[in-house]
Amino acid sequence: MRRPVIKAPLKYAPVKFAAALVSVAAVFAAATSCSPTPEATVSKTLKIVYQKSDSFTALDMVMQDAKTEFEASNSGVTVDLQPIQANDDDYGTKLALAQRSADTAPDVFYEDTFKVRSDVDAGYLLKLDSYLEKWDDWKSFNDAAKEAGRADDGGIYAVPLGTDTRAIWYNKSVLQKAGIPVPWQPKTWDEILTAARAIKASDPQVIPFTMYAGKGTGEGTVMQSFYELLYGTDSSLYDRDQKKWVVGSQGFRDSLAFLKTLYDEKLAVSPAEALDANVWKKVFGEWFPQGKLGATVEGSYSPSFWQKGGAYEWAGYEQKMGVAMFPTQKGQDPGGVSMSGGWALAVGAKSKNPELAFNFLTTALNKKNALAFDVNNSQIAVRTDVASDPGYLAANPFVKDVSELVKVTHYRPATADYPRISTAVQVATESVITGKQSPEEAAAEYDATVRKLAGEDKVLEK
C-alpha cells in the first residue's frame, strides 16, 4: 500500500544520504567549474535534473530521446542531462540543495507535485501561464491533472508527466459467492455496507471490505481510505479559494463513522492488523490471491504487484479481479471519488533561458514521449490523446477503468503544513477504529489540532 506514496522501498534503490550529498555537490560543482566561461555559450546550455535508479529508467529514456530531438531542432543548444541516483526523499533533498544557488539550479527539473506549492513559496519554480497559453498541446491535458501544478496564487508552475488513481479492487469469486453480481459498482456508502454484510454472511472467514486506518499505514490511510470518504461528502479537507483548513464539518464526522461501522461490525481487518505498517503486503500477497478478501480501496498500480515479474505474481488475476469507482456518500454528483498523486516537470525560476527551457519541457512531454513514459512506468495518462492511444490501452487490462477516474480525482493540498495535518487525520481514524474515541470526539480533537498547527486565521468552520 505504501508503494504509491513512499515509492523508495519498491521502486528506487536507496543511497546513503551523506555520501549522496557529497556526490551531488561534487556533480554540481564540477558542472559549474567545467562550464565554458563565455556568457554566450553558457546561455545556450540547458541543465536538466531528474531522478533515475536501476529500477526506474523510464524517465531517463524519455530525457535521452528529448535531448536528441531538441538539440537536432535547436542548433547551438546543448542539453546537459544530470540524472540523480536516489530515492524519492533523497532526490528532493538534493534538488533543494541545488536550487539554493543560481550556479547550480537546474533549468528544467523533475518535481513531486506534492511539493509544488512549498517550492513555489521558496522561489524555485517559474510561473508558466504565459508560456502555456502559446502551447497547443496544453489543451490535451486533463483539466483535473492540470491542478497538480497549480500554486496558491492560481498560476501553473509545473506540467504533469502522469498520475495515479484510487479505486475499489474486488475479488469476483468472493462477491459472486455472496450473491453479488459482477461487475460490481456500488452507488452509495450504504451499498458498500450492504455488500460487505452479505459477504460476511456467506463466509465468516472472509474479510468483506477493508479500508486502511491509523498511523501505521501513514499516507496510505488518507490516500487510499479517508479522503475517498471525505471528498465524497459535501465537505473537503482544505478550502482552496480561501486557502484555509476546514474544521467542524459533518462530512469529516460521517467519514469517521463509516470507518467505525466497518471495524465495529468486523467487516474490515482487525484493528491490530490495520495498525500494522505492512498490512498491504497481506492484501496483495495473501488475502486477494487466496480469496480471503472481498474488496478494498487501492491504487491504479495494483496490477503491477500481480503481473509477471511483480512482487506477488498471480496467474490469471486479470479474470479474477474487478475494479469499481468509490461512490460518493449518497450517490450525489459526480457519483464517484478518487485521489491522485504524481510527478511533473518544472522550469527553474533561476533559469537564464526560461523560454528555451520551457521549449525543452514541451519536447519531453510531447505525445510520443508522454506515451512512452506512461506505458513503461505504469502511469495514468494525463494527456487525453495518450489516454485514447491503442498502445496505451493495450498496456494494462485495467488501464481504461482506472484512467477514467481522473475525471473525479482530487489532489492533496500541497501546503507546507499538510504533512502535519495528514498525521492528525490518521490519529483520528486510529482513535475511532480502536474504540478510544467516538467519531464526534475524534473529529473535535482533530479540529483542535488543526487550529493549533495552522492558527485561527488559517481555519474555516463549515
Protein backbone atom coordinates (compact mmCIF):
# COMPACT_ATOMS: atom_id res chain seq x y z
CA MET A 1 0.00 0.00 0.00
CA ARG A 2 2.87 2.38 0.63
CA ARG A 3 4.07 1.94 -2.87
CA PRO A 4 2.31 4.97 -4.39
CA VAL A 5 3.13 7.25 -1.50
CA ILE A 6 6.56 6.06 -0.49
CA LYS A 7 7.99 4.57 -3.64
CA ALA A 8 11.53 4.23 -2.48
CA PRO A 9 11.43 0.73 -0.98
CA LEU A 10 10.00 -0.85 -4.10
CA LYS A 11 10.91 1.38 -6.96
CA TYR A 12 14.10 3.14 -6.16
CA ALA A 13 17.34 1.85 -4.79
CA PRO A 14 18.23 3.84 -1.67
CA VAL A 15 21.59 5.51 -1.33
CA LYS A 16 23.38 6.68 1.76
CA PHE A 17 22.35 10.25 2.36
CA ALA A 18 25.65 11.74 3.48
CA ALA A 19 27.54 10.21 0.62
CA ALA A 20 24.85 11.31 -1.75
CA LEU A 21 25.06 14.91 -0.60
CA VAL A 22 28.78 14.92 -1.20
CA SER A 23 28.24 13.29 -4.54
CA VAL A 24 25.62 15.70 -5.75
CA ALA A 25 27.60 18.67 -4.53
CA ALA A 26 30.53 17.36 -6.49
CA VAL A 27 28.39 16.91 -9.56
CA PHE A 28 27.06 20.42 -9.45
CA ALA A 29 30.42 21.88 -8.53
CA ALA A 30 32.02 20.03 -11.38
CA ALA A 31 29.34 21.15 -13.76
CA THR A 32 29.88 24.73 -12.70
CA SER A 33 33.66 24.68 -12.78
CA CYS A 34 33.78 22.95 -16.13
CA SER A 35 31.22 25.18 -17.81
CA PRO A 36 32.62 27.33 -20.58
CA THR A 37 33.23 30.86 -19.40
CA PRO A 38 31.95 32.84 -22.39
CA GLU A 39 28.45 34.01 -21.40
CA ALA A 40 27.06 33.33 -24.85
CA THR A 41 27.96 29.64 -24.61
CA VAL A 42 26.61 29.25 -21.06
CA SER A 43 23.33 30.84 -22.10
CA LYS A 44 22.79 28.07 -24.64
CA THR A 45 23.27 25.19 -22.24
CA LEU A 46 20.22 23.76 -20.52
CA LYS A 47 20.71 21.82 -17.31
CA ILE A 48 18.11 19.09 -16.79
CA VAL A 49 17.87 17.40 -13.38
CA TYR A 50 15.74 14.34 -12.73
CA GLN A 51 15.60 11.06 -10.83
CA LYS A 52 16.97 7.73 -12.03
CA SER A 53 17.70 4.36 -10.47
CA ASP A 54 18.33 0.78 -11.54
CA SER A 55 14.58 0.09 -11.33
CA PHE A 56 13.38 3.49 -12.58
CA THR A 57 14.76 4.23 -16.02
CA ALA A 58 11.60 5.26 -17.87
CA LEU A 59 12.20 8.97 -17.34
CA ASP A 60 15.88 8.71 -18.30
CA MET A 61 14.86 7.07 -21.57
CA VAL A 62 12.43 9.92 -22.25
CA MET A 63 15.05 12.54 -21.42
CA GLN A 64 17.61 10.91 -23.69
CA ASP A 65 15.11 10.95 -26.57
CA ALA A 66 14.05 14.54 -25.80
CA LYS A 67 17.69 15.66 -25.75
CA THR A 68 18.26 14.17 -29.21
CA GLU A 69 15.08 15.73 -30.60
CA PHE A 70 15.70 19.14 -29.03
CA GLU A 71 19.35 19.50 -30.00
CA ALA A 72 18.52 18.46 -33.57
CA SER A 73 15.99 21.26 -33.88
CA ASN A 74 17.89 23.89 -31.86
CA SER A 75 21.33 24.34 -33.33
CA GLY A 76 23.95 25.51 -30.86
CA VAL A 77 21.99 24.44 -27.80
CA THR A 78 23.42 21.76 -25.51
CA VAL A 79 21.09 19.78 -23.25
CA ASP A 80 23.07 18.75 -20.18
CA LEU A 81 21.27 15.78 -18.57
CA GLN A 82 22.09 15.36 -14.88
CA PRO A 83 20.14 12.36 -13.51
CA ILE A 84 20.36 11.92 -9.74
CA GLN A 85 20.60 8.38 -8.40
CA ALA A 86 18.47 8.50 -5.26
CA ASN A 87 15.21 7.50 -3.66
CA ASP A 88 12.32 9.97 -3.51
CA ASP A 89 13.25 11.65 -0.24
CA ASP A 90 16.95 11.99 -1.02
CA TYR A 91 16.18 13.23 -4.52
CA GLY A 92 14.06 16.02 -3.06
CA THR A 93 16.83 16.96 -0.64
CA LYS A 94 19.47 17.08 -3.35
CA LEU A 95 17.23 19.05 -5.67
CA ALA A 96 16.56 21.59 -2.92
CA LEU A 97 20.32 21.85 -2.31
CA ALA A 98 20.92 22.57 -5.98
CA GLN A 99 18.16 25.20 -6.02
CA ARG A 100 19.93 27.36 -3.45
CA SER A 101 22.34 28.88 -5.96
CA ALA A 102 21.82 30.24 -9.47
CA ASP A 103 25.06 28.46 -10.40
CA THR A 104 23.70 25.01 -9.53
CA ALA A 105 19.95 25.49 -10.05
CA PRO A 106 18.55 23.45 -12.97
CA ASP A 107 16.73 24.92 -15.95
CA VAL A 108 14.23 22.04 -16.04
CA PHE A 109 13.66 19.52 -13.28
CA TYR A 110 11.52 16.59 -12.11
CA GLU A 111 9.19 17.73 -9.34
CA ASP A 112 6.89 15.84 -6.98
CA THR A 113 3.50 17.55 -7.35
CA PHE A 114 3.16 17.19 -3.60
CA LYS A 115 5.88 19.85 -3.25
CA VAL A 116 4.83 22.33 -5.93
CA ARG A 117 3.26 24.86 -3.59
CA SER A 118 6.00 24.83 -0.99
CA ASP A 119 8.67 25.09 -3.71
CA VAL A 120 6.82 27.98 -5.34
CA ASP A 121 6.84 29.70 -1.95
CA ALA A 122 10.59 29.03 -1.77
CA GLY A 123 11.07 30.73 -5.15
CA TYR A 124 12.28 27.64 -7.05
CA LEU A 125 9.66 27.39 -9.82
CA LEU A 126 8.93 29.67 -12.76
CA LYS A 127 5.30 30.62 -13.39
CA LEU A 128 4.34 29.05 -16.71
CA ASP A 129 0.96 30.61 -17.56
CA SER A 130 2.24 32.92 -20.32
CA TYR A 131 4.15 30.04 -21.93
CA LEU A 132 1.30 27.53 -21.66
CA GLU A 133 -1.07 29.94 -23.44
CA LYS A 134 1.05 29.56 -26.58
CA TRP A 135 1.48 25.76 -26.35
CA ASP A 136 -1.21 23.99 -28.40
CA ASP A 137 -0.63 20.66 -26.63
CA TRP A 138 -1.71 22.13 -23.27
CA LYS A 139 -5.37 21.73 -24.23
CA SER A 140 -4.72 17.97 -24.50
CA PHE A 141 -4.01 17.72 -20.77
CA ASN A 142 -6.84 16.63 -18.48
CA ASP A 143 -8.25 19.58 -16.53
CA ALA A 144 -8.11 17.72 -13.20
CA ALA A 145 -4.46 16.79 -13.76
CA LYS A 146 -3.56 20.40 -14.58
CA GLU A 147 -4.46 21.29 -11.00
CA ALA A 148 -1.44 19.31 -9.78
CA GLY A 149 0.81 22.09 -10.99
CA ARG A 150 -1.25 24.99 -9.67
CA ALA A 151 0.02 27.11 -6.78
CA ASP A 152 -1.85 29.22 -4.23
CA ASP A 153 -1.71 32.30 -6.48
CA GLY A 154 -3.73 30.42 -9.11
CA GLY A 155 -0.83 30.12 -11.54
CA ILE A 156 0.52 26.93 -13.12
CA TYR A 157 4.12 26.15 -12.20
CA ALA A 158 4.56 22.53 -13.29
CA VAL A 159 3.28 20.23 -16.05
CA PRO A 160 2.34 16.66 -15.00
CA LEU A 161 4.07 13.62 -16.51
CA GLY A 162 1.47 11.17 -15.33
CA THR A 163 -0.58 10.35 -12.31
CA ASP A 164 -2.31 7.52 -10.49
CA THR A 165 -5.82 6.99 -9.17
CA ARG A 166 -7.52 5.02 -6.40
CA ALA A 167 -10.43 2.63 -6.82
CA ILE A 168 -12.23 -0.29 -5.22
CA TRP A 169 -10.48 -3.56 -6.13
CA TYR A 170 -12.56 -6.69 -5.55
CA ASN A 171 -12.27 -10.45 -5.85
CA LYS A 172 -15.04 -11.51 -8.23
CA SER A 173 -15.45 -15.03 -6.86
CA VAL A 174 -15.85 -13.78 -3.28
CA LEU A 175 -18.62 -11.39 -4.32
CA GLN A 176 -20.35 -13.96 -6.51
CA LYS A 177 -20.37 -16.48 -3.65
CA ALA A 178 -22.28 -13.86 -1.63
CA GLY A 179 -24.79 -13.41 -4.45
CA ILE A 180 -23.44 -10.05 -5.58
CA PRO A 181 -23.49 -9.68 -9.38
CA VAL A 182 -20.26 -8.66 -11.10
CA PRO A 183 -19.17 -6.31 -12.49
CA TRP A 184 -19.99 -4.55 -9.24
CA GLN A 185 -20.41 -0.79 -8.94
CA PRO A 186 -21.79 0.48 -5.61
CA LYS A 187 -23.55 3.85 -5.94
CA THR A 188 -23.59 4.87 -2.25
CA TRP A 189 -21.79 4.12 1.00
CA ASP A 190 -24.82 2.12 2.14
CA GLU A 191 -24.47 -0.17 -0.88
CA ILE A 192 -20.89 -0.90 0.17
CA LEU A 193 -22.05 -1.86 3.67
CA THR A 194 -24.87 -3.99 2.26
CA ALA A 195 -22.42 -5.90 0.06
CA ALA A 196 -19.92 -6.29 2.91
CA ARG A 197 -22.58 -7.69 5.22
CA ALA A 198 -23.66 -10.15 2.52
CA ILE A 199 -20.08 -11.37 2.12
CA LYS A 200 -19.72 -11.82 5.87
CA ALA A 201 -22.96 -13.79 5.99
CA SER A 202 -21.86 -16.07 3.15
CA ASP A 203 -18.43 -16.81 4.63
CA PRO A 204 -17.47 -15.51 8.11
CA GLN A 205 -13.80 -16.38 7.45
CA VAL A 206 -13.54 -13.80 4.64
CA ILE A 207 -12.64 -10.15 5.23
CA PRO A 208 -15.54 -8.46 3.40
CA PHE A 209 -14.39 -4.86 2.77
CA THR A 210 -11.40 -3.29 4.47
CA MET A 211 -10.14 0.29 4.40
CA TYR A 212 -6.84 1.48 5.81
CA ALA A 213 -6.85 3.41 9.08
CA GLY A 214 -4.41 4.56 11.73
CA LYS A 215 -0.87 5.91 11.77
CA GLY A 216 0.81 2.62 10.84
CA THR A 217 -0.11 2.90 7.18
CA GLY A 218 0.75 6.61 7.05
CA GLU A 219 -0.29 8.43 3.88
CA GLY A 220 -1.93 5.22 2.71
CA THR A 221 -4.56 5.77 5.39
CA VAL A 222 -5.60 9.06 3.88
CA MET A 223 -4.88 8.50 0.17
CA GLN A 224 -6.45 5.02 -0.05
CA SER A 225 -9.20 5.38 2.54
CA PHE A 226 -10.21 8.51 4.43
CA TYR A 227 -10.06 11.01 1.55
CA GLU A 228 -12.23 8.76 -0.65
CA LEU A 229 -14.82 9.11 2.09
CA LEU A 230 -14.35 12.80 2.92
CA TYR A 231 -14.34 14.06 -0.68
CA GLY A 232 -17.49 12.03 -1.32
CA THR A 233 -19.39 14.14 1.20
CA ASP A 234 -20.22 17.80 0.74
CA SER A 235 -17.08 18.76 2.66
CA SER A 236 -13.36 18.84 1.99
CA LEU A 237 -10.08 18.94 3.86
CA TYR A 238 -8.98 22.35 2.58
CA ASP A 239 -10.79 25.32 1.03
CA ARG A 240 -8.58 26.22 -1.92
CA ASP A 241 -10.39 29.50 -2.60
CA GLN A 242 -9.96 30.84 0.91
CA LYS A 243 -6.72 28.92 1.50
CA LYS A 244 -7.93 27.64 4.84
CA TRP A 245 -8.24 24.24 6.51
CA VAL A 246 -11.83 23.11 7.01
CA VAL A 247 -12.87 22.20 10.56
CA GLY A 248 -16.15 21.25 12.18
CA SER A 249 -17.58 19.54 9.11
CA GLN A 250 -20.33 16.92 9.15
CA GLY A 251 -18.52 15.18 6.30
CA PHE A 252 -15.46 14.61 8.48
CA ARG A 253 -17.59 13.08 11.23
CA ASP A 254 -19.56 10.96 8.74
CA SER A 255 -16.32 9.63 7.25
CA LEU A 256 -15.07 8.56 10.68
CA ALA A 257 -18.44 7.00 11.43
CA PHE A 258 -18.25 4.89 8.25
CA LEU A 259 -14.86 3.53 9.30
CA LYS A 260 -16.22 2.81 12.79
CA THR A 261 -19.08 0.79 11.25
CA LEU A 262 -16.68 -1.26 9.12
CA TYR A 263 -14.46 -2.09 12.08
CA ASP A 264 -17.17 -2.47 14.75
CA GLU A 265 -19.12 -4.94 12.60
CA LYS A 266 -15.87 -6.78 11.76
CA LEU A 267 -16.36 -6.14 8.07
CA ALA A 268 -12.74 -4.92 7.86
CA VAL A 269 -9.48 -6.36 9.21
CA SER A 270 -8.93 -6.30 12.96
CA PRO A 271 -7.64 -3.04 14.46
CA ALA A 272 -4.34 -4.79 15.26
CA GLU A 273 -3.92 -5.77 11.60
CA ALA A 274 -4.91 -2.28 10.46
CA LEU A 275 -2.16 -0.71 12.58
CA ASP A 276 0.48 -2.97 11.01
CA ALA A 277 2.52 -0.88 8.55
CA ASN A 278 2.92 -3.95 6.33
CA VAL A 279 -0.76 -4.90 6.12
CA TRP A 280 -0.71 -4.00 2.42
CA LYS A 281 1.60 -6.96 1.76
CA LYS A 282 -1.09 -9.34 3.02
CA VAL A 283 -3.70 -7.55 0.90
CA PHE A 284 -1.75 -8.07 -2.32
CA GLY A 285 0.27 -11.16 -1.50
CA GLU A 286 -2.14 -13.33 0.51
CA TRP A 287 -5.71 -12.23 1.02
CA PHE A 288 -6.74 -11.33 -2.52
CA PRO A 289 -4.98 -14.25 -4.27
CA GLN A 290 -6.25 -16.74 -1.65
CA GLY A 291 -9.84 -15.49 -1.83
CA LYS A 292 -9.79 -14.27 1.78
CA LEU A 293 -10.62 -10.63 1.00
CA GLY A 294 -13.70 -9.31 -0.76
CA ALA A 295 -12.65 -5.76 -1.57
CA THR A 296 -10.55 -2.77 -0.56
CA VAL A 297 -9.53 0.67 -1.81
CA GLU A 298 -6.16 0.69 -3.53
CA GLY A 299 -4.21 2.35 -6.31
CA SER A 300 -4.26 2.04 -10.09
CA TYR A 301 -0.82 0.47 -9.76
CA SER A 302 -2.31 -2.63 -8.09
CA PRO A 303 -1.91 -4.92 -11.14
CA SER A 304 1.84 -4.27 -11.06
CA PHE A 305 2.04 -6.45 -7.93
CA TRP A 306 0.37 -9.42 -9.66
CA GLN A 307 1.64 -9.25 -13.19
CA LYS A 308 4.61 -11.30 -14.36
CA GLY A 309 7.71 -10.00 -12.64
CA GLY A 310 5.66 -8.31 -9.90
CA ALA A 311 6.24 -8.77 -6.18
CA TYR A 312 3.28 -11.19 -5.89
CA GLU A 313 2.83 -12.85 -9.28
CA TRP A 314 -0.72 -14.16 -9.65
CA ALA A 315 -1.56 -16.03 -12.82
CA GLY A 316 -4.98 -15.12 -14.17
CA TYR A 317 -5.52 -12.12 -11.88
CA GLU A 318 -6.97 -10.30 -14.88
CA GLN A 319 -10.01 -12.57 -14.84
CA LYS A 320 -10.27 -12.93 -11.05
CA MET A 321 -10.18 -9.27 -10.02
CA GLY A 322 -12.55 -6.41 -10.76
CA VAL A 323 -12.32 -2.65 -10.25
CA ALA A 324 -15.00 -0.10 -9.37
CA MET A 325 -15.21 3.62 -8.67
CA PHE A 326 -15.56 4.55 -4.99
CA PRO A 327 -19.02 6.15 -4.72
CA THR A 328 -20.00 9.45 -3.17
CA GLN A 329 -21.76 9.23 0.16
CA LYS A 330 -25.35 9.31 -1.11
CA GLY A 331 -24.75 8.98 -4.84
CA GLN A 332 -24.60 12.74 -5.39
CA ASP A 333 -22.68 14.23 -8.31
CA PRO A 334 -20.17 13.49 -9.66
CA GLY A 335 -21.02 9.97 -8.48
CA GLY A 336 -17.52 8.92 -7.51
CA VAL A 337 -14.26 9.89 -5.86
CA SER A 338 -10.61 9.16 -6.44
CA MET A 339 -7.29 10.50 -5.20
CA SER A 340 -4.16 11.12 -7.25
CA GLY A 341 -0.51 11.86 -6.80
CA GLY A 342 2.19 12.11 -9.43
CA TRP A 343 5.23 13.94 -10.70
CA ALA A 344 5.74 16.83 -13.08
CA LEU A 345 8.36 18.81 -14.96
CA ALA A 346 9.03 22.40 -13.97
CA VAL A 347 11.21 25.26 -15.18
CA GLY A 348 13.62 26.75 -12.67
CA ALA A 349 12.94 30.29 -11.54
CA LYS A 350 16.67 31.00 -11.79
CA SER A 351 16.96 29.79 -15.40
CA LYS A 352 18.87 32.21 -17.63
CA ASN A 353 16.98 30.83 -20.63
CA PRO A 354 13.39 30.38 -19.46
CA GLU A 355 11.79 30.25 -22.91
CA LEU A 356 14.35 27.75 -24.17
CA ALA A 357 13.86 25.71 -21.00
CA PHE A 358 10.08 25.67 -21.45
CA ASN A 359 10.53 24.57 -25.06
CA PHE A 360 12.60 21.61 -23.86
CA LEU A 361 9.86 20.77 -21.35
CA THR A 362 7.31 20.65 -24.19
CA THR A 363 9.58 18.30 -26.14
CA ALA A 364 9.94 15.97 -23.18
CA LEU A 365 6.15 15.96 -22.74
CA ASN A 366 5.01 15.72 -26.34
CA LYS A 367 2.62 12.88 -27.17
CA LYS A 368 5.33 10.42 -28.23
CA ASN A 369 7.43 10.88 -25.12
CA ALA A 370 4.45 11.02 -22.76
CA LEU A 371 3.11 7.75 -24.21
CA ALA A 372 6.47 6.04 -23.73
CA PHE A 373 6.75 7.22 -20.12
CA ASP A 374 3.19 6.23 -19.17
CA VAL A 375 3.47 2.74 -20.69
CA ASN A 376 6.94 1.96 -19.35
CA ASN A 377 6.20 3.32 -15.87
CA SER A 378 2.57 2.10 -15.50
CA GLN A 379 1.27 5.64 -15.17
CA ILE A 380 -2.20 7.03 -15.72
CA ALA A 381 -2.08 9.25 -18.79
CA VAL A 382 -2.84 12.93 -18.20
CA ARG A 383 -2.93 13.73 -21.93
CA THR A 384 -6.28 12.81 -23.49
CA ASP A 385 -4.61 11.86 -26.78
CA VAL A 386 -2.31 9.43 -24.94
CA ALA A 387 -5.22 8.03 -22.91
CA SER A 388 -7.01 7.07 -26.13
CA ASP A 389 -3.94 5.69 -27.88
CA PRO A 390 -4.21 1.94 -28.72
CA GLY A 391 -0.71 1.28 -27.41
CA TYR A 392 -1.58 2.79 -24.04
CA LEU A 393 -4.90 0.93 -23.78
CA ALA A 394 -3.21 -2.40 -24.55
CA ALA A 395 -0.53 -1.97 -21.90
CA ASN A 396 -2.70 -2.92 -18.87
CA PRO A 397 -6.05 -4.81 -18.71
CA PHE A 398 -7.46 -2.31 -16.21
CA VAL A 399 -5.95 0.85 -17.69
CA LYS A 400 -9.21 2.09 -19.22
CA ASP A 401 -11.15 1.79 -15.95
CA VAL A 402 -8.54 3.43 -13.73
CA SER A 403 -7.77 6.14 -16.28
CA GLU A 404 -11.40 7.25 -16.36
CA LEU A 405 -11.16 8.01 -12.64
CA VAL A 406 -9.01 11.04 -13.44
CA LYS A 407 -12.33 12.81 -14.12
CA VAL A 408 -13.32 12.55 -10.45
CA THR A 409 -9.93 12.69 -8.81
CA HIS A 410 -8.61 15.03 -6.14
CA TYR A 411 -5.10 16.05 -5.11
CA ARG A 412 -3.79 16.64 -1.63
CA PRO A 413 -3.35 20.24 -0.53
CA ALA A 414 0.33 20.78 -1.29
CA THR A 415 0.92 23.25 1.51
CA ALA A 416 3.93 23.33 3.76
CA ASP A 417 1.87 22.29 6.80
CA TYR A 418 -0.02 19.47 5.03
CA PRO A 419 2.13 16.59 6.41
CA ARG A 420 1.21 17.54 10.00
CA ILE A 421 -2.48 17.89 9.09
CA SER A 422 -2.36 14.45 7.46
CA THR A 423 -0.93 12.95 10.63
CA ALA A 424 -3.79 14.49 12.61
CA VAL A 425 -6.28 12.79 10.26
CA GLN A 426 -4.50 9.46 10.71
CA VAL A 427 -4.68 9.88 14.50
CA ALA A 428 -8.43 10.50 14.28
CA THR A 429 -9.02 7.31 12.27
CA GLU A 430 -6.92 5.27 14.69
CA SER A 431 -8.80 6.60 17.70
CA VAL A 432 -12.11 5.58 16.12
CA ILE A 433 -11.27 2.06 14.93
CA THR A 434 -9.63 1.18 18.26
CA GLY A 435 -12.59 2.48 20.24
CA LYS A 436 -10.55 5.13 22.01
CA GLN A 437 -12.88 7.89 20.85
CA SER A 438 -16.25 8.28 19.16
CA PRO A 439 -16.30 9.89 15.69
CA GLU A 440 -17.51 13.14 17.30
CA GLU A 441 -14.73 13.12 19.90
CA ALA A 442 -12.03 12.27 17.35
CA ALA A 443 -13.29 14.98 14.98
CA ALA A 444 -13.27 17.53 17.80
CA GLU A 445 -9.69 16.62 18.71
CA TYR A 446 -8.71 16.88 15.03
CA ASP A 447 -10.26 20.35 14.85
CA ALA A 448 -8.34 21.48 17.91
CA THR A 449 -5.09 20.08 16.49
CA VAL A 450 -5.59 21.88 13.16
CA ARG A 451 -6.33 25.18 14.92
CA LYS A 452 -3.10 24.77 16.90
CA LEU A 453 -0.98 23.77 13.88
CA ALA A 454 -2.31 26.23 11.31
CA GLY A 455 -3.54 29.08 13.50
CA GLU A 456 -7.03 30.52 13.86
CA ASP A 457 -6.62 32.70 10.77
CA LYS A 458 -5.97 29.61 8.63
CA VAL A 459 -9.05 27.57 9.54
CA LEU A 460 -12.59 27.74 8.22
CA GLU A 461 -15.57 26.21 10.02
CA LYS A 462 -18.21 24.79 7.73
